[in-house]
Amino acid sequence: MSKPEYLYHYTSIEGLAHILESRQIRFSRLDLLDDVTEGQSQDAVDWRKYYFVSCWTAEEEESIPLWSMYTPDMMGVRIKLPLSMFKTHIIDHSELPRFIQLADTSKAPPGAKIQIRCLMPYEKLHGEDYFVMNTCFRDEVWPSKVEYTDDPTLLNQNLIKYNKETDTTSISSDEIAKYKKKVWSFQYEWRFKIHCFNAAPRSLKSKMPNDSYNELMLRELRNFEKGVSQEYFFMDLDDLIFDSLEVVLGPKVDSAHKIIVNSLIQNFCSKAKVSPSRLTGQIR
């Protein structure tokens, strides 16, 4: 599937201020989103408590429903950013628990200092009760296009599958948060998805023998009962993308809102472009 070059995100002026000041995008846990039915499955696990998403659209044409739902009284903004908007971090391989593999290091010479490129720094990748699965950053699923369907076999799947021949269990993780009901099709949504598991606290790593910590880590990774306590993630944006940022003002913004937005742009990313909505004056 071909991917768009740019994505669009509707938000409030306050949301724009947070993005510009922090240079981050917020990811919300799936069970906190507006569609209360998505992310369900036939499994005993509530997968919504292990997935975080940031929602975008690839539609260049402005959407009245999106203006209405995701900006206050259509007085927010729409931002445009390139698909590869997130910052790359360097992780020292020695920081990782030995059974966590973020890259193939089998050909590295003994004693080599190995560094891995990742879209999260290690302190975010491994929190106090979670570990982010680096596989969610694969090019083929980062981001992924939402598919709209009313087929209950897709909306409510068995995602945990046991193979008797190999005596192994697998999770169809890419299927989670992939489908929404057709009533949401007006969103034309693309989403970035972060997938977590429960994990041993990172703060204990230096306070326990390696074998004991690894045993605790494995035990927590197998625990699917409690979910991840974290409700949001904040992903760092690449500093370079702010020069090409484009902001469209909401259809009902007034002169005060324009002053605020222009001030934010001047203060945080003076090369960004601000333009009025094509719907200005057309909506009462």
Protein backbone atom coordinates (compact mmCIF):
# COMPACT_ATOMS: atom_id res chain seq x y z
CA MET A 1 0.00 0.00 0.00
CA SER A 2 1.38 3.40 -0.99
CA LYS A 3 1.57 5.99 1.72
CA PRO A 4 0.82 9.72 1.56
CA GLU A 5 3.63 12.23 1.64
CA TYR A 6 1.88 14.41 4.21
CA LEU A 7 -0.64 13.97 7.03
CA TYR A 8 -3.11 16.41 8.59
CA HIS A 9 -4.19 16.77 12.21
CA TYR A 10 -7.09 18.86 13.54
CA THR A 11 -6.66 20.32 17.01
CA SER A 12 -7.37 23.30 19.23
CA ILE A 13 -5.17 26.39 19.40
CA GLU A 14 -4.18 25.21 22.86
CA GLY A 15 -3.20 21.86 21.33
CA LEU A 16 -1.09 23.67 18.74
CA ALA A 17 0.65 25.59 21.54
CA HIS A 18 1.53 22.34 23.33
CA ILE A 19 2.88 20.77 20.12
CA LEU A 20 5.04 23.79 19.29
CA GLU A 21 6.35 24.37 22.80
CA SER A 22 7.08 20.71 23.61
CA ARG A 23 7.94 19.63 20.04
CA GLN A 24 5.99 16.47 20.74
CA ILE A 25 2.84 14.67 19.59
CA ARG A 26 0.54 13.03 22.12
CA PHE A 27 -0.54 9.40 21.78
CA SER A 28 -3.68 8.38 23.67
CA ARG A 29 -4.46 4.93 25.02
CA LEU A 30 -7.01 3.19 22.80
CA ASP A 31 -9.66 2.80 25.50
CA LEU A 32 -9.74 6.60 25.96
CA LEU A 33 -10.66 7.49 22.35
CA ASP A 34 -14.04 8.74 21.15
CA ASP A 35 -15.03 5.48 19.42
CA VAL A 36 -15.81 3.31 22.44
CA THR A 37 -16.34 0.17 20.33
CA GLU A 38 -12.98 -0.04 18.58
CA GLY A 39 -10.19 -2.31 19.71
CA GLN A 40 -12.52 -5.01 21.01
CA SER A 41 -11.71 -8.69 20.56
CA GLN A 42 -12.86 -12.19 21.48
CA ASP A 43 -9.81 -12.59 23.72
CA ALA A 44 -9.87 -12.37 27.50
CA VAL A 45 -7.29 -9.57 27.19
CA ASP A 46 -8.44 -5.95 26.88
CA TRP A 47 -5.96 -4.98 24.16
CA ARG A 48 -7.13 -1.36 24.29
CA LYS A 49 -5.09 -0.94 27.47
CA TYR A 50 -1.88 -1.87 25.62
CA TYR A 51 -2.17 0.32 22.51
CA PHE A 52 -1.66 4.05 22.05
CA VAL A 53 -2.52 5.96 18.90
CA SER A 54 -2.09 9.35 17.28
CA CYS A 55 -4.82 10.00 14.71
CA TRP A 56 -4.32 11.83 11.40
CA THR A 57 -5.93 12.07 7.98
CA ALA A 58 -4.37 12.11 4.52
CA GLU A 59 -7.18 14.18 2.98
CA GLU A 60 -5.90 17.54 1.75
CA GLU A 61 -9.45 18.85 1.35
CA GLU A 62 -10.78 20.31 4.59
CA SER A 63 -13.37 18.24 6.43
CA ILE A 64 -16.36 19.92 8.09
CA PRO A 65 -16.95 16.89 10.40
CA LEU A 66 -13.30 16.93 11.54
CA TRP A 67 -13.37 20.68 12.12
CA SER A 68 -16.56 20.22 14.13
CA MET A 69 -15.43 17.23 16.23
CA TYR A 70 -11.80 18.03 16.97
CA THR A 71 -11.65 21.82 17.22
CA PRO A 72 -13.78 23.90 19.61
CA ASP A 73 -16.63 25.38 17.56
CA MET A 74 -14.40 25.22 14.44
CA MET A 75 -12.05 27.75 16.03
CA GLY A 76 -8.96 25.56 16.12
CA VAL A 77 -6.32 24.73 13.52
CA ARG A 78 -5.28 22.00 11.13
CA ILE A 79 -1.58 21.21 10.94
CA LYS A 80 0.21 19.56 8.02
CA LEU A 81 3.40 17.56 8.57
CA PRO A 82 5.49 15.12 6.53
CA LEU A 83 5.00 11.42 7.15
CA SER A 84 8.49 11.04 8.63
CA MET A 85 7.85 13.60 11.35
CA PHE A 86 9.33 11.85 14.40
CA LYS A 87 12.81 12.22 15.84
CA THR A 88 15.27 9.32 15.81
CA HIS A 89 17.08 8.47 19.06
CA ILE A 90 20.21 6.41 19.67
CA ILE A 91 20.01 3.59 22.24
CA ASP A 92 23.04 1.83 23.72
CA HIS A 93 22.39 -1.90 23.25
CA SER A 94 23.91 -2.66 26.66
CA GLU A 95 21.01 -0.83 28.35
CA LEU A 96 18.49 -3.40 27.13
CA PRO A 97 17.51 -6.56 29.01
CA ARG A 98 19.42 -9.31 27.24
CA PHE A 99 16.32 -11.10 25.90
CA ILE A 100 14.96 -7.93 24.26
CA GLN A 101 16.16 -7.76 20.65
CA LEU A 102 15.70 -4.47 18.81
CA ALA A 103 18.15 -5.41 16.06
CA ASP A 104 20.23 -8.33 14.78
CA THR A 105 23.59 -8.02 16.53
CA SER A 106 24.83 -11.57 15.83
CA LYS A 107 27.54 -10.40 13.41
CA ALA A 108 28.98 -7.75 15.72
CA PRO A 109 32.51 -8.52 16.99
CA PRO A 110 32.84 -9.48 20.69
CA GLY A 111 32.98 -6.45 22.96
CA ALA A 112 31.74 -4.06 20.28
CA LYS A 113 29.76 -1.06 21.46
CA ILE A 114 26.44 -1.41 19.67
CA GLN A 115 24.06 1.50 19.22
CA ILE A 116 20.54 1.19 17.84
CA ARG A 117 18.39 3.80 16.15
CA CYS A 118 14.87 4.00 17.56
CA LEU A 119 11.97 6.48 17.53
CA MET A 120 11.94 6.47 21.34
CA PRO A 121 14.75 7.01 23.83
CA TYR A 122 15.28 4.07 26.18
CA GLU A 123 13.80 5.89 29.19
CA LYS A 124 10.48 6.13 27.31
CA LEU A 125 10.73 2.74 25.65
CA HIS A 126 10.98 1.05 29.05
CA GLY A 127 8.86 2.68 31.75
CA GLU A 128 7.94 1.71 35.28
CA ASP A 129 5.29 -0.82 34.27
CA TYR A 130 5.54 -1.13 30.50
CA PHE A 131 7.85 -1.90 27.60
CA VAL A 132 7.17 -0.58 24.09
CA MET A 133 7.54 -3.20 21.39
CA ASN A 134 9.92 -1.75 18.82
CA THR A 135 8.19 -3.77 16.07
CA CYS A 136 5.38 -1.20 16.08
CA PHE A 137 7.79 1.24 14.35
CA ARG A 138 8.20 -0.98 11.27
CA ASP A 139 7.85 0.96 8.02
CA GLU A 140 4.95 -1.19 6.81
CA VAL A 141 2.76 -0.26 9.80
CA TRP A 142 4.11 3.17 10.83
CA PRO A 143 1.67 4.71 10.12
CA SER A 144 -1.17 2.41 9.07
CA LYS A 145 -4.40 3.20 7.26
CA VAL A 146 -7.61 2.51 9.15
CA GLU A 147 -9.98 0.14 7.37
CA TYR A 148 -13.72 0.78 7.73
CA THR A 149 -16.01 -2.21 7.92
CA ASP A 150 -19.13 -3.53 9.62
CA ASP A 151 -17.90 -7.12 9.43
CA PRO A 152 -18.01 -8.44 13.04
CA THR A 153 -15.33 -11.03 12.27
CA LEU A 154 -12.87 -8.17 11.70
CA LEU A 155 -14.14 -5.80 14.39
CA ASN A 156 -14.16 -8.48 17.08
CA GLN A 157 -11.45 -11.03 16.32
CA ASN A 158 -9.62 -13.79 18.14
CA LEU A 159 -6.18 -12.21 18.14
CA ILE A 160 -4.38 -14.80 20.27
CA LYS A 161 -3.77 -17.93 18.20
CA TYR A 162 -2.33 -21.24 19.37
CA ASN A 163 -0.50 -23.53 16.93
CA LYS A 164 -0.76 -27.15 18.08
CA GLU A 165 1.88 -28.40 15.65
CA THR A 166 4.59 -26.07 16.94
CA ASP A 167 3.13 -25.62 20.45
CA THR A 168 3.45 -21.85 20.11
CA THR A 169 1.13 -18.93 20.74
CA SER A 170 1.09 -15.81 18.57
CA ILE A 171 -0.67 -12.46 18.74
CA SER A 172 -1.97 -10.78 15.58
CA SER A 173 -0.81 -7.42 16.88
CA ASP A 174 -1.12 -5.58 13.55
CA GLU A 175 -4.87 -6.33 13.52
CA ILE A 176 -5.47 -4.41 16.74
CA ALA A 177 -6.71 -0.83 16.20
CA LYS A 178 -6.78 -1.50 12.45
CA TYR A 179 -10.55 -1.53 11.89
CA LYS A 180 -13.39 0.87 12.66
CA LYS A 181 -17.08 0.82 11.82
CA LYS A 182 -18.17 2.43 8.57
CA VAL A 183 -19.93 5.29 10.37
CA TRP A 184 -16.42 6.65 11.05
CA SER A 185 -15.31 6.50 7.42
CA PHE A 186 -15.53 10.29 7.05
CA GLN A 187 -12.25 10.47 8.98
CA TYR A 188 -10.15 8.81 6.24
CA GLU A 189 -7.83 8.06 9.11
CA TRP A 190 -4.17 7.15 9.20
CA ARG A 191 -2.77 6.39 12.61
CA PHE A 192 0.52 5.83 14.33
CA LYS A 193 0.22 2.96 16.84
CA ILE A 194 2.41 2.20 19.85
CA HIS A 195 2.15 -1.33 21.27
CA CYS A 196 3.17 -2.02 24.88
CA PHE A 197 3.43 -4.96 27.24
CA ASN A 198 3.62 -4.98 31.02
CA ALA A 199 7.21 -4.96 32.25
CA ALA A 200 9.40 -4.95 35.31
CA PRO A 201 10.11 -1.40 36.53
CA ARG A 202 13.14 0.14 34.83
CA SER A 203 14.19 1.63 38.19
CA LEU A 204 14.85 -1.89 39.53
CA LYS A 205 17.24 -2.84 36.73
CA SER A 206 20.33 -1.53 38.52
CA LYS A 207 19.17 -2.76 41.95
CA MET A 208 18.77 -6.47 41.23
CA PRO A 209 21.00 -9.26 39.90
CA ASN A 210 20.57 -9.60 36.13
CA ASP A 211 19.06 -13.09 36.33
CA SER A 212 16.50 -12.02 38.93
CA TYR A 213 15.57 -8.92 36.97
CA ASN A 214 15.24 -10.86 33.72
CA GLU A 215 13.01 -13.41 35.45
CA LEU A 216 10.80 -10.62 36.79
CA MET A 217 10.72 -8.99 33.37
CA LEU A 218 9.59 -12.18 31.66
CA ARG A 219 6.91 -12.76 34.27
CA GLU A 220 5.51 -9.27 33.74
CA LEU A 221 5.65 -9.54 29.95
CA ARG A 222 3.39 -12.61 30.19
CA ASN A 223 0.86 -10.79 32.39
CA PHE A 224 -2.11 -9.61 30.32
CA GLU A 225 -4.55 -8.97 33.17
CA LYS A 226 -3.91 -5.43 34.35
CA GLY A 227 -3.06 -3.36 31.28
CA VAL A 228 -0.61 -0.47 31.19
CA SER A 229 -1.27 2.30 33.73
CA GLN A 230 0.09 5.01 31.43
CA GLU A 231 -2.71 6.90 29.62
CA TYR A 232 -0.59 8.92 27.19
CA PHE A 233 2.76 8.88 25.42
CA PHE A 234 4.52 11.91 23.99
CA MET A 235 6.69 11.28 20.94
CA ASP A 236 9.45 13.71 20.00
CA LEU A 237 9.14 15.47 16.65
CA ASP A 238 12.15 15.99 14.41
CA ASP A 239 13.32 19.60 14.78
CA LEU A 240 13.70 19.95 11.01
CA ILE A 241 10.00 19.43 10.24
CA PHE A 242 8.98 22.71 11.88
CA ASP A 243 10.39 24.73 8.99
CA SER A 244 7.88 23.04 6.65
CA LEU A 245 4.92 23.08 9.06
CA GLU A 246 1.69 24.40 7.55
CA VAL A 247 -1.20 25.63 9.69
CA VAL A 248 -4.74 26.26 8.45
CA LEU A 249 -6.92 28.41 10.68
CA GLY A 250 -10.39 27.09 11.55
CA PRO A 251 -13.40 28.37 9.56
CA LYS A 252 -14.72 30.40 12.51
CA VAL A 253 -11.55 31.87 14.01
CA ASP A 254 -11.74 35.55 14.86
CA SER A 255 -9.05 38.21 14.88
CA ALA A 256 -8.00 37.36 18.45
CA HIS A 257 -7.42 33.71 17.52
CA LYS A 258 -5.37 34.79 14.50
CA ILE A 259 -3.17 36.96 16.71
CA ILE A 260 -2.57 34.04 19.09
CA VAL A 261 -1.71 31.58 16.31
CA ASN A 262 0.58 34.03 14.51
CA SER A 263 2.32 34.80 17.79
CA LEU A 264 2.89 31.08 18.45
CA ILE A 265 4.30 30.59 14.96
CA GLN A 266 6.58 33.61 15.24
CA ASN A 267 7.84 32.43 18.62
CA PHE A 268 8.40 28.72 17.90
CA CYS A 269 8.72 28.19 14.13
CA SER A 270 8.91 31.43 12.20
CA LYS A 271 9.29 29.68 8.82
CA ALA A 272 5.96 27.85 9.14
CA LYS A 273 3.09 28.88 6.90
CA VAL A 274 -0.30 30.07 8.22
CA SER A 275 -3.33 30.34 5.94
CA PRO A 276 -7.10 30.85 6.34
CA SER A 277 -9.61 28.05 5.90
CA ARG A 278 -11.21 27.67 2.48
CA LEU A 279 -14.49 27.37 4.38
CA THR A 280 -14.23 30.79 6.05
CA GLY A 281 -17.50 32.68 5.68
CA GLN A 282 -19.36 29.60 4.42
CA ILE A 283 -20.49 28.13 7.75
CA ARG A 284 -22.86 29.91 10.13
